[in-house]
C-alpha atoms as a PDB file:
ATOM      1  CA  MET A   1      -0.022   0.035  -0.026  1.00  0.00           C
ATOM      2  CA  SER A   2       1.301   3.481  -0.875  1.00  0.00           C
ATOM      3  CA  ARG A   3       2.343   6.024   1.725  1.00  0.00           C
ATOM      4  CA  ARG A   4      -0.638   8.195   0.808  1.00  0.00           C
ATOM      5  CA  ALA A   5      -3.164   5.425   1.270  1.00  0.00           C
ATOM      6  CA  THR A   6      -1.507   4.195   4.572  1.00  0.00           C
ATOM      7  CA  LEU A   7      -1.429   7.647   6.200  1.00  0.00           C
ATOM      8  CA  ARG A   8      -5.045   8.488   5.183  1.00  0.00           C
ATOM      9  CA  ARG A   9      -6.347   5.048   6.432  1.00  0.00           C
ATOM     10  CA  VAL A  10      -4.584   5.389   9.790  1.00  0.00           C
ATOM     11  CA  GLY A  11      -5.886   8.934  10.195  1.00  0.00           C
ATOM     12  CA  LEU A  12      -9.455   7.803   9.703  1.00  0.00           C
ATOM     13  CA  LEU A  13      -9.109   4.784  12.002  1.00  0.00           C
ATOM     14  CA  VAL A  14      -7.684   7.068  14.787  1.00  0.00           C
ATOM     15  CA  LEU A  15     -10.553   9.512  14.324  1.00  0.00           C
ATOM     16  CA  GLY A  16     -13.224   6.786  14.505  1.00  0.00           C
ATOM     17  CA  VAL A  17     -11.772   5.122  17.732  1.00  0.00           C
ATOM     18  CA  ASN A  18     -11.375   8.571  19.444  1.00  0.00           C
ATOM     19  CA  LEU A  19     -14.971   9.523  18.591  1.00  0.00           C
ATOM     20  CA  LEU A  20     -16.267   6.217  20.027  1.00  0.00           C
ATOM     21  CA  LEU A  21     -14.255   6.711  23.188  1.00  0.00           C
ATOM     22  CA  VAL A  22     -15.444  10.302  23.861  1.00  0.00           C
ATOM     23  CA  LEU A  23     -19.035   9.273  23.526  1.00  0.00           C
ATOM     24  CA  LEU A  24     -18.563   6.283  25.909  1.00  0.00           C
ATOM     25  CA  LYS A  25     -16.616   8.363  28.516  1.00  0.00           C
ATOM     26  CA  ALA A  26     -19.013  11.292  28.315  1.00  0.00           C
ATOM     27  CA  GLY A  27     -21.994   8.989  28.975  1.00  0.00           C
ATOM     28  CA  VAL A  28     -20.295   7.381  31.996  1.00  0.00           C
ATOM     29  CA  TRP A  29     -19.205  10.774  33.354  1.00  0.00           C
ATOM     30  CA  VAL A  30     -22.701  12.096  33.216  1.00  0.00           C
ATOM     31  CA  THR A  31     -23.969   9.093  35.202  1.00  0.00           C
ATOM     32  CA  THR A  32     -21.203   8.822  37.719  1.00  0.00           C
ATOM     33  CA  GLY A  33     -19.862  12.420  38.142  1.00  0.00           C
ATOM     34  CA  SER A  34     -16.298  11.032  38.300  1.00  0.00           C
ATOM     35  CA  PHE A  35     -13.612  13.700  37.807  1.00  0.00           C
ATOM     36  CA  ALA A  36     -11.185  11.089  36.550  1.00  0.00           C
ATOM     37  CA  VAL A  37     -13.628   9.939  33.894  1.00  0.00           C
ATOM     38  CA  GLN A  38     -14.452  13.567  33.070  1.00  0.00           C
ATOM     39  CA  SER A  39     -10.714  14.209  32.537  1.00  0.00           C
ATOM     40  CA  GLU A  40     -10.524  11.178  30.336  1.00  0.00           C
ATOM     41  CA  ALA A  41     -13.601  12.321  28.347  1.00  0.00           C
ATOM     42  CA  VAL A  42     -11.981  15.755  27.813  1.00  0.00           C
ATOM     43  CA  ASN A  43      -8.717  14.053  26.733  1.00  0.00           C
ATOM     44  CA  SER A  44     -10.596  11.909  24.197  1.00  0.00           C
ATOM     45  CA  ALA A  45     -12.527  15.000  22.997  1.00  0.00           C
ATOM     46  CA  ALA A  46      -9.155  16.752  22.349  1.00  0.00           C
ATOM     47  CA  ASP A  47      -7.960  13.597  20.622  1.00  0.00           C
ATOM     48  CA  THR A  48     -11.044  13.604  18.400  1.00  0.00           C
ATOM     49  CA  ALA A  49     -10.499  17.285  17.550  1.00  0.00           C
ATOM     50  CA  TYR A  50      -6.960  16.815  16.559  1.00  0.00           C
ATOM     51  CA  SER A  51      -7.806  13.601  14.730  1.00  0.00           C
ATOM     52  CA  LEU A  52      -9.920  15.727  12.401  1.00  0.00           C
ATOM     53  CA  VAL A  53      -6.884  17.996  11.813  1.00  0.00           C
ATOM     54  CA  ILE A  54      -4.640  14.980  11.258  1.00  0.00           C
ATOM     55  CA  VAL A  55      -7.002  13.577   8.652  1.00  0.00           C
ATOM     56  CA  ALA A  56      -7.073  16.928   6.808  1.00  0.00           C
ATOM     57  CA  GLY A  57      -3.367  17.461   7.338  1.00  0.00           C
ATOM     58  CA  LEU A  58      -2.450  14.055   6.036  1.00  0.00           C
ATOM     59  CA  TYR A  59      -4.710  14.542   3.015  1.00  0.00           C
ATOM     60  CA  LEU A  60      -2.746  17.692   2.235  1.00  0.00           C
ATOM     61  CA  THR A  61       0.684  16.268   2.859  1.00  0.00           C
ATOM     62  CA  THR A  62       0.005  13.195   0.665  1.00  0.00           C
ATOM     63  CA  ARG A  63      -1.088  15.223  -2.365  1.00  0.00           C
ATOM     64  CA  PRO A  64       1.203  14.695  -5.378  1.00  0.00           C
ATOM     65  CA  PRO A  65       3.732  17.444  -6.340  1.00  0.00           C
ATOM     66  CA  ASP A  66       2.391  20.324  -8.383  1.00  0.00           C
ATOM     67  CA  PHE A  67       3.742  23.524  -9.986  1.00  0.00           C
ATOM     68  CA  GLU A  68       3.772  25.497  -6.739  1.00  0.00           C
ATOM     69  CA  HIS A  69       5.147  22.575  -4.653  1.00  0.00           C
ATOM     70  CA  PRO A  70       7.499  20.632  -6.969  1.00  0.00           C
ATOM     71  CA  HIS A  71       8.847  18.534  -4.033  1.00  0.00           C
ATOM     72  CA  GLY A  72       5.366  17.619  -2.795  1.00  0.00           C
ATOM     73  CA  HIS A  73       3.447  18.690   0.339  1.00  0.00           C
ATOM     74  CA  GLU A  74       5.188  16.612   3.039  1.00  0.00           C
ATOM     75  CA  ARG A  75       6.637  19.679   4.735  1.00  0.00           C
ATOM     76  CA  ILE A  76       3.149  20.486   6.077  1.00  0.00           C
ATOM     77  CA  GLU A  77       3.358  17.487   8.426  1.00  0.00           C
ATOM     78  CA  PRO A  78       5.363  19.054  11.242  1.00  0.00           C
ATOM     79  CA  PHE A  79       2.829  21.897  11.440  1.00  0.00           C
ATOM     80  CA  VAL A  80       0.041  19.291  11.674  1.00  0.00           C
ATOM     81  CA  SER A  81       2.014  17.713  14.645  1.00  0.00           C
ATOM     82  CA  LEU A  82       2.312  21.081  16.352  1.00  0.00           C
ATOM     83  CA  PHE A  83      -1.440  21.564  16.097  1.00  0.00           C
ATOM     84  CA  VAL A  84      -1.742  18.168  17.757  1.00  0.00           C
ATOM     85  CA  ALA A  85       0.550  19.436  20.568  1.00  0.00           C
ATOM     86  CA  ALA A  86      -1.612  22.638  20.932  1.00  0.00           C
ATOM     87  CA  GLY A  87      -4.725  20.503  21.420  1.00  0.00           C
ATOM     88  CA  ILE A  88      -2.890  18.266  23.980  1.00  0.00           C
ATOM     89  CA  PHE A  89      -1.896  21.360  26.020  1.00  0.00           C
ATOM     90  CA  ALA A  90      -5.402  22.727  25.972  1.00  0.00           C
ATOM     91  CA  ALA A  91      -6.855  19.416  27.176  1.00  0.00           C
ATOM     92  CA  GLY A  92      -4.220  19.099  29.917  1.00  0.00           C
ATOM     93  CA  GLY A  93      -4.903  22.638  31.112  1.00  0.00           C
ATOM     94  CA  PHE A  94      -8.660  22.034  31.269  1.00  0.00           C
ATOM     95  CA  VAL A  95      -8.252  18.857  33.275  1.00  0.00           C
ATOM     96  CA  LEU A  96      -5.751  20.473  35.619  1.00  0.00           C
ATOM     97  CA  TRP A  97      -8.060  23.400  36.245  1.00  0.00           C
ATOM     98  CA  ASN A  98     -11.080  21.259  37.081  1.00  0.00           C
ATOM     99  CA  ALA A  99      -9.296  18.777  39.299  1.00  0.00           C
ATOM    100  CA  GLY A 100      -7.444  21.618  41.086  1.00  0.00           C
ATOM    101  CA  SER A 101     -10.732  23.452  41.682  1.00  0.00           C
ATOM    102  CA  ALA A 102     -12.406  20.378  43.095  1.00  0.00           C
ATOM    103  CA  LEU A 103      -9.551  19.817  45.553  1.00  0.00           C
ATOM    104  CA  LEU A 104      -9.425  23.460  46.637  1.00  0.00           C
ATOM    105  CA  THR A 105     -13.192  23.809  47.117  1.00  0.00           C
ATOM    106  CA  GLY A 106     -13.793  20.264  48.484  1.00  0.00           C
ATOM    107  CA  ASN A 107     -16.586  19.819  46.079  1.00  0.00           C
ATOM    108  CA  ILE A 108     -16.046  16.061  45.386  1.00  0.00           C
ATOM    109  CA  SER A 109     -18.913  13.801  44.693  1.00  0.00           C
ATOM    110  CA  VAL A 110     -18.519  10.416  43.017  1.00  0.00           C
ATOM    111  CA  THR A 111     -21.296   7.932  42.222  1.00  0.00           C
ATOM    112  CA  GLN A 112     -20.033   4.442  42.630  1.00  0.00           C
ATOM    113  CA  GLY A 113     -20.571   1.852  39.888  1.00  0.00           C
ATOM    114  CA  PRO A 114     -18.678  -0.500  37.586  1.00  0.00           C
ATOM    115  CA  ALA A 115     -19.387   1.507  34.356  1.00  0.00           C
ATOM    116  CA  ALA A 116     -16.410   3.919  35.052  1.00  0.00           C
ATOM    117  CA  VAL A 117     -14.050   0.913  35.535  1.00  0.00           C
ATOM    118  CA  LEU A 118     -15.205  -0.803  32.426  1.00  0.00           C
ATOM    119  CA  VAL A 119     -15.006   2.236  30.152  1.00  0.00           C
ATOM    120  CA  LEU A 120     -11.481   3.151  31.355  1.00  0.00           C
ATOM    121  CA  ALA A 121     -10.262  -0.412  30.932  1.00  0.00           C
ATOM    122  CA  PHE A 122     -11.705  -0.515  27.475  1.00  0.00           C
ATOM    123  CA  SER A 123      -9.979   2.760  26.667  1.00  0.00           C
ATOM    124  CA  ALA A 124      -6.595   1.496  27.903  1.00  0.00           C
ATOM    125  CA  VAL A 125      -6.839  -1.608  25.616  1.00  0.00           C
ATOM    126  CA  ALA A 126      -8.038   0.429  22.663  1.00  0.00           C
ATOM    127  CA  LYS A 127      -5.240   3.038  23.092  1.00  0.00           C
ATOM    128  CA  TYR A 128      -2.575   0.366  23.323  1.00  0.00           C
ATOM    129  CA  ALA A 129      -3.693  -1.113  20.054  1.00  0.00           C
ATOM    130  CA  LEU A 130      -3.720   2.356  18.417  1.00  0.00           C
ATOM    131  CA  TYR A 131      -0.295   3.135  19.856  1.00  0.00           C
ATOM    132  CA  ARG A 132       1.261   0.027  18.328  1.00  0.00           C
ATOM    133  CA  TYR A 133      -0.459   0.498  14.964  1.00  0.00           C
ATOM    134  CA  CYS A 134       0.318   4.257  14.595  1.00  0.00           C
ATOM    135  CA  LEU A 135       3.954   3.762  15.749  1.00  0.00           C
ATOM    136  CA  ARG A 136       4.548   1.056  13.190  1.00  0.00           C
ATOM    137  CA  ALA A 137       2.863   2.970  10.442  1.00  0.00           C
ATOM    138  CA  GLY A 138       4.607   6.310  11.413  1.00  0.00           C
ATOM    139  CA  THR A 139       7.994   4.609  11.549  1.00  0.00           C
ATOM    140  CA  ASP A 140       7.642   2.630   8.344  1.00  0.00           C
ATOM    141  CA  ARG A 141       6.270   5.625   6.385  1.00  0.00           C
ATOM    142  CA  ASN A 142       8.448   8.363   8.004  1.00  0.00           C
ATOM    143  CA  SER A 143       5.449  10.294   9.279  1.00  0.00           C
ATOM    144  CA  PRO A 144       6.053  12.652  12.248  1.00  0.00           C
ATOM    145  CA  ALA A 145       2.321  13.251  12.586  1.00  0.00           C
ATOM    146  CA  LEU A 146       1.632   9.619  13.043  1.00  0.00           C
ATOM    147  CA  VAL A 147       4.551   9.168  15.468  1.00  0.00           C
ATOM    148  CA  ALA A 148       3.125  12.157  17.465  1.00  0.00           C
ATOM    149  CA  THR A 149      -0.260  10.436  17.456  1.00  0.00           C
ATOM    150  CA  ALA A 150       1.283   7.180  18.650  1.00  0.00           C
ATOM    151  CA  LYS A 151       2.975   8.934  21.581  1.00  0.00           C
ATOM    152  CA  ASP A 152      -0.248  10.591  22.498  1.00  0.00           C
ATOM    153  CA  ASN A 153      -1.991   7.158  22.470  1.00  0.00           C
ATOM    154  CA  ARG A 154       0.865   5.649  24.533  1.00  0.00           C
ATOM    155  CA  ASN A 155       0.330   8.404  27.131  1.00  0.00           C
ATOM    156  CA  ASP A 156      -3.431   7.731  27.075  1.00  0.00           C
ATOM    157  CA  ILE A 157      -2.755   4.261  28.314  1.00  0.00           C
ATOM    158  CA  LEU A 158      -0.996   5.698  31.428  1.00  0.00           C
ATOM    159  CA  THR A 159      -3.652   8.266  32.055  1.00  0.00           C
ATOM    160  CA  ALA A 160      -6.436   5.756  31.771  1.00  0.00           C
ATOM    161  CA  GLY A 161      -4.541   3.674  34.353  1.00  0.00           C
ATOM    162  CA  ALA A 162      -4.272   6.613  36.702  1.00  0.00           C
ATOM    163  CA  ALA A 163      -7.981   7.355  36.259  1.00  0.00           C
ATOM    164  CA  LEU A 164      -8.756   3.746  37.108  1.00  0.00           C
ATOM    165  CA  VAL A 165      -6.789   4.042  40.376  1.00  0.00           C
ATOM    166  CA  GLY A 166      -8.756   7.194  41.155  1.00  0.00           C
ATOM    167  CA  VAL A 167     -12.192   5.535  40.401  1.00  0.00           C
ATOM    168  CA  GLY A 168     -11.209   2.552  42.390  1.00  0.00           C
ATOM    169  CA  GLY A 169     -10.206   4.635  45.344  1.00  0.00           C
ATOM    170  CA  ALA A 170     -13.419   6.573  45.273  1.00  0.00           C
ATOM    171  CA  MET A 171     -15.426   3.363  45.116  1.00  0.00           C
ATOM    172  CA  VAL A 172     -13.779   1.988  48.288  1.00  0.00           C
ATOM    173  CA  GLY A 173     -14.463   5.127  50.315  1.00  0.00           C
ATOM    174  CA  TYR A 174     -11.585   7.562  49.355  1.00  0.00           C
ATOM    175  CA  PRO A 175     -13.303  10.097  47.045  1.00  0.00           C
ATOM    176  CA  ILE A 176     -10.241  12.451  47.092  1.00  0.00           C
ATOM    177  CA  ALA A 177      -8.476   9.776  44.954  1.00  0.00           C
ATOM    178  CA  ASP A 178     -10.640  10.712  42.075  1.00  0.00           C
ATOM    179  CA  PRO A 179      -9.510  14.346  41.480  1.00  0.00           C
ATOM    180  CA  LEU A 180      -5.935  13.364  42.484  1.00  0.00           C
ATOM    181  CA  ALA A 181      -5.953  10.827  39.682  1.00  0.00           C
ATOM    182  CA  ALA A 182      -7.271  13.547  37.387  1.00  0.00           C
ATOM    183  CA  LEU A 183      -4.305  15.703  38.302  1.00  0.00           C
ATOM    184  CA  VAL A 184      -2.004  12.813  37.281  1.00  0.00           C
ATOM    185  CA  VAL A 185      -3.837  12.529  34.037  1.00  0.00           C
ATOM    186  CA  ALA A 186      -3.418  16.295  33.417  1.00  0.00           C
ATOM    187  CA  VAL A 187       0.376  16.086  34.021  1.00  0.00           C
ATOM    188  CA  GLY A 188       0.635  13.134  31.622  1.00  0.00           C
ATOM    189  CA  ILE A 189      -1.355  14.954  28.945  1.00  0.00           C
ATOM    190  CA  ILE A 190       0.886  18.125  29.187  1.00  0.00           C
ATOM    191  CA  TYR A 191       4.074  15.982  29.092  1.00  0.00           C
ATOM    192  CA  THR A 192       2.925  14.362  25.889  1.00  0.00           C
ATOM    193  CA  GLY A 193       2.480  17.835  24.307  1.00  0.00           C
ATOM    194  CA  ILE A 194       5.985  18.678  25.303  1.00  0.00           C
ATOM    195  CA  GLU A 195       7.337  15.509  23.663  1.00  0.00           C
ATOM    196  CA  VAL A 196       5.486  16.319  20.422  1.00  0.00           C
ATOM    197  CA  VAL A 197       6.855  19.792  20.251  1.00  0.00           C
ATOM    198  CA  GLN A 198      10.430  18.651  20.886  1.00  0.00           C
ATOM    199  CA  ASP A 199      10.215  15.983  18.215  1.00  0.00           C
ATOM    200  CA  ASN A 200       8.902  18.337  15.555  1.00  0.00           C
ATOM    201  CA  VAL A 201      11.030  21.425  16.235  1.00  0.00           C
ATOM    202  CA  THR A 202      13.894  19.510  14.625  1.00  0.00           C
ATOM    203  CA  TYR A 203      11.880  19.212  11.372  1.00  0.00           C
ATOM    204  CA  LEU A 204      10.978  22.873  11.311  1.00  0.00           C
ATOM    205  CA  VAL A 205      14.463  24.350  12.002  1.00  0.00           C
ATOM    206  CA  GLY A 206      16.365  22.086   9.616  1.00  0.00           C
ATOM    207  CA  GLY A 207      18.142  20.017  12.170  1.00  0.00           C
ATOM    208  CA  ALA A 208      20.566  17.238  11.396  1.00  0.00           C
ATOM    209  CA  PRO A 209      19.290  13.661  11.124  1.00  0.00           C
ATOM    210  CA  PRO A 210      20.538  10.997  13.610  1.00  0.00           C
ATOM    211  CA  GLU A 211      24.179  10.105  13.483  1.00  0.00           C
ATOM    212  CA  ASP A 212      23.589   6.581  12.210  1.00  0.00           C
ATOM    213  CA  LEU A 213      21.809   7.936   9.230  1.00  0.00           C
ATOM    214  CA  ARG A 214      24.470  10.514   8.543  1.00  0.00           C
ATOM    215  CA  ARG A 215      27.067   7.794   8.639  1.00  0.00           C
ATOM    216  CA  GLU A 216      25.022   5.674   6.154  1.00  0.00           C
ATOM    217  CA  ILE A 217      24.786   8.657   3.783  1.00  0.00           C
ATOM    218  CA  LEU A 218      28.530   9.197   3.885  1.00  0.00           C
ATOM    219  CA  GLN A 219      29.205   5.486   3.439  1.00  0.00           C
ATOM    220  CA  ARG A 220      27.088   5.209   0.340  1.00  0.00           C
ATOM    221  CA  ALA A 221      29.150   7.970  -1.222  1.00  0.00           C
ATOM    222  CA  LEU A 222      32.465   6.449  -0.242  1.00  0.00           C
ATOM    223  CA  ASP A 223      31.363   2.958  -1.342  1.00  0.00           C
ATOM    224  CA  HIS A 224      31.705   3.934  -4.997  1.00  0.00           C
ATOM    225  CA  PRO A 225      34.983   2.398  -6.178  1.00  0.00           C
ATOM    226  CA  ARG A 226      36.133   5.699  -7.874  1.00  0.00           C
ATOM    227  CA  VAL A 227      35.273   8.036  -5.059  1.00  0.00           C
ATOM    228  CA  GLN A 228      38.462   8.643  -3.077  1.00  0.00           C
ATOM    229  CA  GLY A 229      37.110  11.050  -0.434  1.00  0.00           C
ATOM    230  CA  ALA A 230      34.356  13.402   0.586  1.00  0.00           C
ATOM    231  CA  HIS A 231      33.972  16.630   2.441  1.00  0.00           C
ATOM    232  CA  ASP A 232      31.448  19.409   3.146  1.00  0.00           C
ATOM    233  CA  VAL A 233      28.886  16.741   3.872  1.00  0.00           C
ATOM    234  CA  ILE A 234      25.576  18.446   4.909  1.00  0.00           C
ATOM    235  CA  ALA A 235      22.354  16.618   5.690  1.00  0.00           C
ATOM    236  CA  HIS A 236      19.369  18.415   7.174  1.00  0.00           C
ATOM    237  CA  TYR A 237      15.624  18.043   7.527  1.00  0.00           C
ATOM    238  CA  VAL A 238      13.266  19.822   5.224  1.00  0.00           C
ATOM    239  CA  GLY A 239       9.949  18.926   6.828  1.00  0.00           C
ATOM    240  CA  PRO A 240      10.078  15.186   7.650  1.00  0.00           C
ATOM    241  CA  GLU A 241      12.468  14.444   4.738  1.00  0.00           C
ATOM    242  CA  ILE A 242      16.261  14.996   4.387  1.00  0.00           C
ATOM    243  CA  ASP A 243      18.159  16.937   1.807  1.00  0.00           C
ATOM    244  CA  VAL A 244      21.830  16.044   1.385  1.00  0.00           C
ATOM    245  CA  SER A 245      24.720  17.914  -0.212  1.00  0.00           C
ATOM    246  CA  LEU A 246      28.357  16.877  -0.298  1.00  0.00           C
ATOM    247  CA  HIS A 247      31.551  17.045  -2.392  1.00  0.00           C
ATOM    248  CA  ILE A 248      33.163  13.862  -3.660  1.00  0.00           C
ATOM    249  CA  GLU A 249      36.843  13.732  -4.649  1.00  0.00           C
ATOM    250  CA  VAL A 250      37.873  11.842  -7.805  1.00  0.00           C
ATOM    251  CA  GLU A 251      40.870  11.580 -10.112  1.00  0.00           C
ATOM    252  CA  GLY A 252      41.163  14.658 -12.294  1.00  0.00           C
ATOM    253  CA  ASP A 253      41.839  12.887 -15.562  1.00  0.00           C
ATOM    254  CA  LEU A 254      38.362  11.375 -15.813  1.00  0.00           C
ATOM    255  CA  THR A 255      36.336  12.324 -18.805  1.00  0.00           C
ATOM    256  CA  LEU A 256      33.221  14.461 -18.305  1.00  0.00           C
ATOM    257  CA  PHE A 257      31.138  11.412 -19.090  1.00  0.00           C
ATOM    258  CA  GLU A 258      32.917   9.366 -16.446  1.00  0.00           C
ATOM    259  CA  ALA A 259      32.521  12.035 -13.790  1.00  0.00           C
ATOM    260  CA  HIS A 260      28.860  12.411 -14.631  1.00  0.00           C
ATOM    261  CA  ASP A 261      28.330   8.643 -14.301  1.00  0.00           C
ATOM    262  CA  ILE A 262      29.950   8.628 -10.872  1.00  0.00           C
ATOM    263  CA  GLU A 263      27.870  11.659  -9.668  1.00  0.00           C
ATOM    264  CA  THR A 264      24.684   9.946 -10.894  1.00  0.00           C
ATOM    265  CA  ALA A 265      25.551   6.664  -9.234  1.00  0.00           C
ATOM    266  CA  VAL A 266      26.267   8.356  -5.874  1.00  0.00           C
ATOM    267  CA  ILE A 267      23.044  10.443  -6.020  1.00  0.00           C
ATOM    268  CA  LYS A 268      20.992   7.305  -6.835  1.00  0.00           C
ATOM    269  CA  SER A 269      22.598   5.304  -3.923  1.00  0.00           C
ATOM    270  CA  ILE A 270      21.905   8.051  -1.369  1.00  0.00           C
ATOM    271  CA  GLU A 271      18.395   8.808  -2.598  1.00  0.00           C
ATOM    272  CA  GLU A 272      17.497   5.158  -2.223  1.00  0.00           C
ATOM    273  CA  LEU A 273      17.427   5.764   1.519  1.00  0.00           C
ATOM    274  CA  PRO A 274      13.730   6.198   2.341  1.00  0.00           C
ATOM    275  CA  GLU A 275      14.374   9.224   4.551  1.00  0.00           C
ATOM    276  CA  VAL A 276      16.203  11.116   1.821  1.00  0.00           C
ATOM    277  CA  ASP A 277      14.370  13.431  -0.575  1.00  0.00           C
ATOM    278  CA  ASP A 278      17.096  14.986  -2.679  1.00  0.00           C
ATOM    279  CA  ALA A 279      20.922  14.528  -2.868  1.00  0.00           C
ATOM    280  CA  PHE A 280      23.124  17.172  -4.433  1.00  0.00           C
ATOM    281  CA  ILE A 281      26.667  16.113  -5.357  1.00  0.00           C
ATOM    282  CA  HIS A 282      29.585  18.277  -6.413  1.00  0.00           C
ATOM    283  CA  VAL A 283      32.505  16.461  -8.031  1.00  0.00           C
ATOM    284  CA  ASP A 284      36.006  17.786  -7.196  1.00  0.00           C
ATOM    285  CA  PRO A 285      39.135  16.778  -9.160  1.00  0.00           C
ATOM    286  CA  LYS A 286      41.651  16.173  -6.355  1.00  0.00           C
ATOM    287  CA  GLU A 287      44.501  17.869  -8.378  1.00  0.00           C
ATOM    288  CA  LEU A 288      42.858  21.316  -7.994  1.00  0.00           C
ATOM    289  CA  GLY A 289      43.798  21.281  -4.385  1.00  0.00           C
ATOM    290  CA  GLU A 290      40.243  21.477  -3.058  1.00  0.00           C
ATOM    291  CA  TRP A 291      40.791  18.279  -1.117  1.00  0.00           C
ATOM    292  CA  LYS A 292      40.484  19.175   2.543  1.00  0.00           C
ATOM    293  CA  ASP A 293      40.409  17.515   5.962  1.00  0.00           C
ATOM    294  CA  ASP A 294      36.957  17.168   7.324  1.00  0.00           C
ATOM    295  CA  GLU A 295      36.841  16.037  11.040  1.00  0.00           C
ATOM    296  CA  GLU A 296      33.150  15.164  10.928  1.00  0.00           C
ATOM    297  CA  VAL A 297      33.578  12.961   7.809  1.00  0.00           C
ATOM    298  CA  GLU A 298      36.620  11.275   9.418  1.00  0.00           C
ATOM    299  CA  ARG A 299      34.596  10.636  12.593  1.00  0.00           C
ATOM    300  CA  LEU A 300      31.587   9.227  10.799  1.00  0.00           C
ATOM    301  CA  ALA A 301      33.692   7.096   8.532  1.00  0.00           C
ATOM    302  CA  ASP A 302      35.839   5.875  11.405  1.00  0.00           C
ATOM    303  CA  LEU A 303      38.947   7.225   9.750  1.00  0.00           C
ATOM    304  CA  GLU A 304      40.349   8.842  12.831  1.00  0.00           C
END
């Protein structure tokens, strides 16, 4: 299945599951009055809202290249992820405010019943399944938006567990456990937002990819039998994809055709990496004296 079809399918699945969970939790909250279930209902409502944004955003990012966007629309994805983070922060702030107000005013009233336990247990199981599915799809398809969604689902497992503890405490005679659990849920929600922001800032500011990937890029250039060295190796994120530029050093008596063939082969090898969008290669005849020491290249190539 293509990247476009996979991302759109996952987005719609996440939307459907979150919508189901918010309806179930809202119904249980209305009948029990549980602050922990309320916080989970708000969390799922935020998940549903940002799921709509993800579906729309993934539709835009998976559109084919056009005249105004010759490299495609994938660079929109980090912005989609940051919108997800904004929704996560809003949900965390709302839950924190409600739980804190209940503790300060002492207005804590919880109706006992198994419905809260059942809906929270079901939520934890559903979120674990979504976490595994989104993480696999996001990693395989190099999608920061889906990875951000996976992390939010992972965090939802923990918050559902905290809410279960609060509901259980309230049912055995400790009602204060319910808003305390909601506070734990709120902290977990906000932490997830921070994680999502940290992950996507790298994409937006053109940060360098992980070291193992930079080493693989360099090695693919040096693996060509007629490439004798490399320098000025630059790899950076442009959205979720990577652009690469580097100089390769070859013998100066090669014909133009031979140099062109080497350049083309190195570009093709590097661009075969799924994370790489474009590779730009400059061919240097070593006799011109442009050969230079490059400490980063020597480190990555284990030449020190």
